[in-house]
Each structure stands twice: as structure tokens, then as C-alpha cells.
Full PDB file with SEQRES, HELIX, SHEET, SSBOND, CRYST1, ORIGX, SCALE, CONECT and MASTER records, all heavy atoms in Angstrom:
SEQRES   1 A   30  VAL GLN LEU VAL GLU SER GLY GLY GLY LEU VAL GLN ALA          
SEQRES   2 A   30  GLY ASP SER LEU ARG LEU SER CYS ALA ALA SER GLY ARG          
SEQRES   3 A   30  THR LEU SER ASN                                              
SHEET    1 AA1 2 GLN A   2  SER A   6  0                                        
SHEET    2 AA1 2 SER A  20  SER A  24 -1                                        
CRYST1    1.000    1.000    1.000  90.00  90.00  90.00 P 1           1          
ORIGX1      1.000000  0.000000  0.000000        0.00000                         
ORIGX2      0.000000  1.000000  0.000000        0.00000                         
ORIGX3      0.000000  0.000000  1.000000        0.00000                         
SCALE1      1.000000  0.000000  0.000000        0.00000                         
SCALE2      0.000000  1.000000  0.000000        0.00000                         
SCALE3      0.000000  0.000000  1.000000        0.00000                         
ATOM      1  N   VAL A   1      88.996  76.090 140.510  1.00  0.00           N  
ATOM      2  CA  VAL A   1      88.023  76.307 141.564  1.00  0.00           C  
ATOM      3  C   VAL A   1      86.628  76.152 140.976  1.00  0.00           C  
ATOM      4  O   VAL A   1      86.326  76.698 139.907  1.00  0.00           O  
ATOM      5  CB  VAL A   1      88.187  77.694 142.196  1.00  0.00           C  
ATOM      6  CG1 VAL A   1      87.074  77.966 143.196  1.00  0.00           C  
ATOM      7  CG2 VAL A   1      89.547  77.809 142.866  1.00  0.00           C  
ATOM      8  N   GLN A   2      85.779  75.426 141.675  1.00  0.00           N  
ATOM      9  CA  GLN A   2      84.389  75.267 141.279  1.00  0.00           C  
ATOM     10  C   GLN A   2      83.495  76.057 142.227  1.00  0.00           C  
ATOM     11  O   GLN A   2      83.679  76.009 143.446  1.00  0.00           O  
ATOM     12  CB  GLN A   2      83.975  73.797 141.284  1.00  0.00           C  
ATOM     13  CG  GLN A   2      84.679  72.940 140.249  1.00  0.00           C  
ATOM     14  CD  GLN A   2      86.055  72.506 140.717  1.00  0.00           C  
ATOM     15  OE1 GLN A   2      86.231  72.090 141.860  1.00  0.00           O  
ATOM     16  NE2 GLN A   2      87.038  72.588 139.828  1.00  0.00           N  
ATOM     17  N   LEU A   3      82.528  76.761 141.666  1.00  0.00           N  
ATOM     18  CA  LEU A   3      81.591  77.561 142.433  1.00  0.00           C  
ATOM     19  C   LEU A   3      80.176  77.076 142.152  1.00  0.00           C  
ATOM     20  O   LEU A   3      79.790  76.934 140.994  1.00  0.00           O  
ATOM     21  CB  LEU A   3      81.705  79.038 142.067  1.00  0.00           C  
ATOM     22  CG  LEU A   3      83.095  79.670 142.191  1.00  0.00           C  
ATOM     23  CD1 LEU A   3      83.072  81.100 141.666  1.00  0.00           C  
ATOM     24  CD2 LEU A   3      83.559  79.652 143.644  1.00  0.00           C  
ATOM     25  N   VAL A   4      79.411  76.826 143.198  1.00  0.00           N  
ATOM     26  CA  VAL A   4      78.048  76.342 143.069  1.00  0.00           C  
ATOM     27  C   VAL A   4      77.122  77.267 143.837  1.00  0.00           C  
ATOM     28  O   VAL A   4      77.226  77.384 145.059  1.00  0.00           O  
ATOM     29  CB  VAL A   4      77.906  74.900 143.584  1.00  0.00           C  
ATOM     30  CG1 VAL A   4      76.465  74.432 143.435  1.00  0.00           C  
ATOM     31  CG2 VAL A   4      78.840  73.969 142.821  1.00  0.00           C  
ATOM     32  N   GLU A   5      76.188  77.907 143.111  1.00  0.00           N  
ATOM     33  CA  GLU A   5      75.229  78.820 143.725  1.00  0.00           C  
ATOM     34  C   GLU A   5      73.907  78.115 143.996  1.00  0.00           C  
ATOM     35  O   GLU A   5      73.551  77.148 143.321  1.00  0.00           O  
ATOM     36  CB  GLU A   5      74.948  80.030 142.819  1.00  0.00           C  
ATOM     37  CG  GLU A   5      76.177  80.745 142.299  1.00  0.00           C  
ATOM     38  CD  GLU A   5      76.494  80.363 140.871  1.00  0.00           C  
ATOM     39  OE1 GLU A   5      76.289  79.184 140.502  1.00  0.00           O  
ATOM     40  OE2 GLU A   5      76.951  81.244 140.109  1.00  0.00           O  
ATOM     41  N   SER A   6      73.174  78.655 144.950  1.00  0.00           N  
ATOM     42  CA  SER A   6      71.826  78.197 145.224  1.00  0.00           C  
ATOM     43  C   SER A   6      71.067  79.309 145.936  1.00  0.00           C  
ATOM     44  O   SER A   6      71.664  80.291 146.385  1.00  0.00           O  
ATOM     45  CB  SER A   6      71.819  76.922 146.068  1.00  0.00           C  
ATOM     46  OG  SER A   6      72.399  77.154 147.341  1.00  0.00           O  
ATOM     47  N   GLY A   7      69.755  79.159 146.034  1.00  0.00           N  
ATOM     48  CA  GLY A   7      68.941  80.084 146.796  1.00  0.00           C  
ATOM     49  C   GLY A   7      68.051  81.000 145.996  1.00  0.00           C  
ATOM     50  O   GLY A   7      67.249  81.741 146.582  1.00  0.00           O  
ATOM     51  N   GLY A   8      68.167  80.994 144.679  1.00  0.00           N  
ATOM     52  CA  GLY A   8      67.304  81.827 143.870  1.00  0.00           C  
ATOM     53  C   GLY A   8      65.874  81.324 143.876  1.00  0.00           C  
ATOM     54  O   GLY A   8      65.575  80.226 144.341  1.00  0.00           O  
ATOM     55  N   GLY A   9      64.967  82.152 143.355  1.00  0.00           N  
ATOM     56  CA  GLY A   9      63.571  81.770 143.308  1.00  0.00           C  
ATOM     57  C   GLY A   9      62.692  82.906 142.867  1.00  0.00           C  
ATOM     58  O   GLY A   9      63.162  83.957 142.437  1.00  0.00           O  
ATOM     59  N   LEU A  10      61.388  82.676 142.963  1.00  0.00           N  
ATOM     60  CA  LEU A  10      60.369  83.651 142.600  1.00  0.00           C  
ATOM     61  C   LEU A  10      59.764  84.235 143.867  1.00  0.00           C  
ATOM     62  O   LEU A  10      59.239  83.500 144.707  1.00  0.00           O  
ATOM     63  CB  LEU A  10      59.286  82.988 141.747  1.00  0.00           C  
ATOM     64  CG  LEU A  10      58.054  83.824 141.418  1.00  0.00           C  
ATOM     65  CD1 LEU A  10      58.442  85.044 140.592  1.00  0.00           C  
ATOM     66  CD2 LEU A  10      57.019  82.975 140.698  1.00  0.00           C  
ATOM     67  N   VAL A  11      59.837  85.560 143.995  1.00  0.00           N  
ATOM     68  CA  VAL A  11      59.304  86.247 145.164  1.00  0.00           C  
ATOM     69  C   VAL A  11      58.564  87.496 144.718  1.00  0.00           C  
ATOM     70  O   VAL A  11      58.669  87.931 143.570  1.00  0.00           O  
ATOM     71  CB  VAL A  11      60.406  86.627 146.170  1.00  0.00           C  
ATOM     72  CG1 VAL A  11      61.105  85.383 146.701  1.00  0.00           C  
ATOM     73  CG2 VAL A  11      61.408  87.579 145.526  1.00  0.00           C  
ATOM     74  N   GLN A  12      57.819  88.078 145.646  1.00  0.00           N  
ATOM     75  CA  GLN A  12      57.138  89.340 145.398  1.00  0.00           C  
ATOM     76  C   GLN A  12      57.996  90.510 145.839  1.00  0.00           C  
ATOM     77  O   GLN A  12      58.894  90.361 146.670  1.00  0.00           O  
ATOM     78  CB  GLN A  12      55.800  89.374 146.126  1.00  0.00           C  
ATOM     79  CG  GLN A  12      54.788  88.362 145.632  1.00  0.00           C  
ATOM     80  CD  GLN A  12      53.457  88.476 146.353  1.00  0.00           C  
ATOM     81  OE1 GLN A  12      53.372  89.014 147.451  1.00  0.00           O  
ATOM     82  NE2 GLN A  12      52.407  87.963 145.729  1.00  0.00           N  
ATOM     83  N   ALA A  13      57.721  91.668 145.277  1.00  0.00           N  
ATOM     84  CA  ALA A  13      58.436  92.869 145.672  1.00  0.00           C  
ATOM     85  C   ALA A  13      58.336  93.074 147.177  1.00  0.00           C  
ATOM     86  O   ALA A  13      57.270  92.928 147.773  1.00  0.00           O  
ATOM     87  CB  ALA A  13      57.884  94.083 144.934  1.00  0.00           C  
ATOM     88  N   GLY A  14      59.467  93.401 147.787  1.00  0.00           N  
ATOM     89  CA  GLY A  14      59.540  93.577 149.217  1.00  0.00           C  
ATOM     90  C   GLY A  14      59.973  92.346 149.982  1.00  0.00           C  
ATOM     91  O   GLY A  14      60.328  92.454 151.162  1.00  0.00           O  
ATOM     92  N   ASP A  15      59.964  91.190 149.341  1.00  0.00           N  
ATOM     93  CA  ASP A  15      60.387  89.951 149.987  1.00  0.00           C  
ATOM     94  C   ASP A  15      61.906  89.850 150.038  1.00  0.00           C  
ATOM     95  O   ASP A  15      62.624  90.709 149.517  1.00  0.00           O  
ATOM     96  CB  ASP A  15      59.811  88.743 149.257  1.00  0.00           C  
ATOM     97  CG  ASP A  15      58.335  88.570 149.488  1.00  0.00           C  
ATOM     98  OD1 ASP A  15      57.770  89.279 150.346  1.00  0.00           O  
ATOM     99  OD2 ASP A  15      57.728  87.723 148.801  1.00  0.00           O  
ATOM    100  N   SER A  16      62.379  88.771 150.638  1.00  0.00           N  
ATOM    101  CA  SER A  16      63.809  88.545 150.802  1.00  0.00           C  
ATOM    102  C   SER A  16      64.216  87.194 150.247  1.00  0.00           C  
ATOM    103  O   SER A  16      63.427  86.255 150.197  1.00  0.00           O  
ATOM    104  CB  SER A  16      64.199  88.615 152.283  1.00  0.00           C  
ATOM    105  OG  SER A  16      63.950  89.891 152.834  1.00  0.00           O  
ATOM    106  N   LEU A  17      65.467  87.103 149.836  1.00  0.00           N  
ATOM    107  CA  LEU A  17      66.100  85.858 149.440  1.00  0.00           C  
ATOM    108  C   LEU A  17      67.518  85.848 149.981  1.00  0.00           C  
ATOM    109  O   LEU A  17      68.124  86.904 150.175  1.00  0.00           O  
ATOM    110  CB  LEU A  17      66.142  85.692 147.926  1.00  0.00           C  
ATOM    111  CG  LEU A  17      64.867  85.284 147.193  1.00  0.00           C  
ATOM    112  CD1 LEU A  17      65.101  85.364 145.683  1.00  0.00           C  
ATOM    113  CD2 LEU A  17      64.436  83.884 147.590  1.00  0.00           C  
ATOM    114  N   ARG A  18      68.031  84.652 150.190  1.00  0.00           N  
ATOM    115  CA  ARG A  18      69.420  84.495 150.585  1.00  0.00           C  
ATOM    116  C   ARG A  18      70.110  83.540 149.628  1.00  0.00           C  
ATOM    117  O   ARG A  18      69.782  82.348 149.586  1.00  0.00           O  
ATOM    118  CB  ARG A  18      69.534  83.970 152.014  1.00  0.00           C  
ATOM    119  CG  ARG A  18      70.950  84.063 152.582  1.00  0.00           C  
ATOM    120  CD  ARG A  18      71.059  83.385 153.925  1.00  0.00           C  
ATOM    121  NE  ARG A  18      72.320  83.691 154.595  1.00  0.00           N  
ATOM    122  CZ  ARG A  18      72.850  82.966 155.577  1.00  0.00           C  
ATOM    123  NH1 ARG A  18      72.209  81.898 156.027  1.00  0.00           N  
ATOM    124  NH2 ARG A  18      73.997  83.331 156.131  1.00  0.00           N  
ATOM    125  N   LEU A  19      71.045  84.055 148.868  1.00  0.00           N  
ATOM    126  CA  LEU A  19      71.824  83.250 147.946  1.00  0.00           C  
ATOM    127  C   LEU A  19      73.063  82.723 148.651  1.00  0.00           C  
ATOM    128  O   LEU A  19      73.635  83.392 149.504  1.00  0.00           O  
ATOM    129  CB  LEU A  19      72.250  84.063 146.726  1.00  0.00           C  
ATOM    130  CG  LEU A  19      71.153  84.817 145.966  1.00  0.00           C  
ATOM    131  CD1 LEU A  19      71.758  85.521 144.756  1.00  0.00           C  
ATOM    132  CD2 LEU A  19      70.033  83.884 145.559  1.00  0.00           C  
ATOM    133  N   SER A  20      73.485  81.535 148.264  1.00  0.00           N  
ATOM    134  CA  SER A  20      74.703  80.963 148.808  1.00  0.00           C  
ATOM    135  C   SER A  20      75.590  80.473 147.681  1.00  0.00           C  
ATOM    136  O   SER A  20      75.119  80.130 146.601  1.00  0.00           O  
ATOM    137  CB  SER A  20      74.399  79.820 149.778  1.00  0.00           C  
ATOM    138  OG  SER A  20      73.799  78.726 149.111  1.00  0.00           O  
ATOM    139  N   CYS A  21      76.879  80.439 147.949  1.00  0.00           N  
ATOM    140  CA  CYS A  21      77.862  79.971 146.979  1.00  0.00           C  
ATOM    141  C   CYS A  21      78.948  79.229 147.723  1.00  0.00           C  
ATOM    142  O   CYS A  21      79.584  79.794 148.624  1.00  0.00           O  
ATOM    143  CB  CYS A  21      78.454  81.147 146.205  1.00  0.00           C  
ATOM    144  SG  CYS A  21      79.801  80.686 145.095  1.00  0.00           S  
ATOM    145  N   ALA A  22      79.167  77.983 147.343  1.00  0.00           N  
ATOM    146  CA  ALA A  22      80.199  77.152 147.948  1.00  0.00           C  
ATOM    147  C   ALA A  22      81.323  76.927 146.949  1.00  0.00           C  
ATOM    148  O   ALA A  22      81.076  76.574 145.796  1.00  0.00           O  
ATOM    149  CB  ALA A  22      79.622  75.819 148.401  1.00  0.00           C  
ATOM    150  N   ALA A  23      82.545  77.124 147.393  1.00  0.00           N  
ATOM    151  CA  ALA A  23      83.719  76.930 146.556  1.00  0.00           C  
ATOM    152  C   ALA A  23      84.411  75.627 146.912  1.00  0.00           C  
ATOM    153  O   ALA A  23      84.478  75.241 148.079  1.00  0.00           O  
ATOM    154  CB  ALA A  23      84.698  78.093 146.723  1.00  0.00           C  
ATOM    155  N   SER A  24      84.938  74.955 145.902  1.00  0.00           N  
ATOM    156  CA  SER A  24      85.671  73.718 146.110  1.00  0.00           C  
ATOM    157  C   SER A  24      86.775  73.611 145.076  1.00  0.00           C  
ATOM    158  O   SER A  24      86.852  74.406 144.145  1.00  0.00           O  
ATOM    159  CB  SER A  24      84.746  72.502 146.024  1.00  0.00           C  
ATOM    160  OG  SER A  24      84.167  72.393 144.735  1.00  0.00           O  
ATOM    161  N   GLY A  25      87.630  72.615 145.248  1.00  0.00           N  
ATOM    162  CA  GLY A  25      88.737  72.416 144.340  1.00  0.00           C  
ATOM    163  C   GLY A  25      89.994  73.102 144.837  1.00  0.00           C  
ATOM    164  O   GLY A  25      90.240  73.164 146.044  1.00  0.00           O  
ATOM    165  N   ARG A  26      90.756  73.616 143.913  1.00  0.00           N  
ATOM    166  CA  ARG A  26      92.018  74.265 144.241  1.00  0.00           C  
ATOM    167  C   ARG A  26      91.751  75.660 144.764  1.00  0.00           C  
ATOM    168  O   ARG A  26      91.383  76.560 144.008  1.00  0.00           O  
ATOM    169  CB  ARG A  26      92.915  74.314 143.007  1.00  0.00           C  
ATOM    170  CG  ARG A  26      94.289  74.899 143.264  1.00  0.00           C  
ATOM    171  CD  ARG A  26      95.117  74.900 142.003  1.00  0.00           C  
ATOM    172  NE  ARG A  26      96.427  75.487 142.206  1.00  0.00           N  
ATOM    173  CZ  ARG A  26      97.342  75.640 141.267  1.00  0.00           C  
ATOM    174  NH1 ARG A  26      97.085  75.228 140.031  1.00  0.00           N  
ATOM    175  NH2 ARG A  26      98.511  76.196 141.551  1.00  0.00           N  
ATOM    176  N   THR A  27      91.929  75.819 146.047  1.00  0.00           N  
ATOM    177  CA  THR A  27      91.690  77.106 146.681  1.00  0.00           C  
ATOM    178  C   THR A  27      92.982  77.655 147.265  1.00  0.00           C  
ATOM    179  O   THR A  27      93.879  76.909 147.658  1.00  0.00           O  
ATOM    180  CB  THR A  27      90.631  76.992 147.781  1.00  0.00           C  
ATOM    181  OG1 THR A  27      91.051  76.041 148.762  1.00  0.00           O  
ATOM    182  CG2 THR A  27      89.303  76.552 147.183  1.00  0.00           C  
ATOM    183  N   LEU A  28      93.058  78.946 147.314  1.00  0.00           N  
ATOM    184  CA  LEU A  28      94.217  79.645 147.825  1.00  0.00           C  
ATOM    185  C   LEU A  28      93.788  80.673 148.864  1.00  0.00           C  
ATOM    186  O   LEU A  28      92.610  81.043 148.940  1.00  0.00           O  
ATOM    187  CB  LEU A  28      94.974  80.340 146.694  1.00  0.00           C  
ATOM    188  CG  LEU A  28      95.505  79.459 145.566  1.00  0.00           C  
ATOM    189  CD1 LEU A  28      96.063  80.336 144.451  1.00  0.00           C  
ATOM    190  CD2 LEU A  28      96.571  78.507 146.070  1.00  0.00           C  
ATOM    191  N   SER A  29      94.720  81.125 149.627  1.00  0.00           N  
ATOM    192  CA  SER A  29      94.461  82.215 150.544  1.00  0.00           C  
ATOM    193  C   SER A  29      94.387  83.524 149.766  1.00  0.00           C  
ATOM    194  O   SER A  29      94.694  83.584 148.573  1.00  0.00           O  
ATOM    195  CB  SER A  29      95.550  82.279 151.617  1.00  0.00           C  
ATOM    196  OG  SER A  29      96.823  82.497 151.031  1.00  0.00           O  
ATOM    197  N   ASN A  30      93.938  84.558 150.446  1.00  0.00           N  
ATOM    198  CA  ASN A  30      93.807  85.888 149.850  1.00  0.00           C  
ATOM    199  C   ASN A  30      92.793  85.935 148.714  1.00  0.00           C  
ATOM    200  O   ASN A  30      92.964  86.651 147.734  1.00  0.00           O  
ATOM    201  CB  ASN A  30      95.162  86.411 149.372  1.00  0.00           C  
ATOM    202  CG  ASN A  30      96.178  86.507 150.472  1.00  0.00           C  
ATOM    203  OD1 ASN A  30      95.860  86.909 151.591  1.00  0.00           O  
ATOM    204  ND2 ASN A  30      97.415  86.139 150.180  1.00  0.00           N  
TER     205      ASN A  30                                                      
MASTER        0    0    0    0    2    0    0    6  204    1    0    3          
END                                                                             
């Protein structure tokens, strides 16, 4: 399984970020 993250960055205290992670390759249930 391959995992690819994105969404990081530089922000000020009190700000928001949304990280994402997409999985690919051999995936299973559960």
C-alpha cells in the first residue's frame, strides 16, 4: 500500500490546515 500526504504548510497560531492522505496499491477491507 502506498500513502501520499499533502496539505501541510506554514500558518500562524489559531489558523487551520487540512491534511489529506490518499492510499493506493494493494488495499484490503477492514
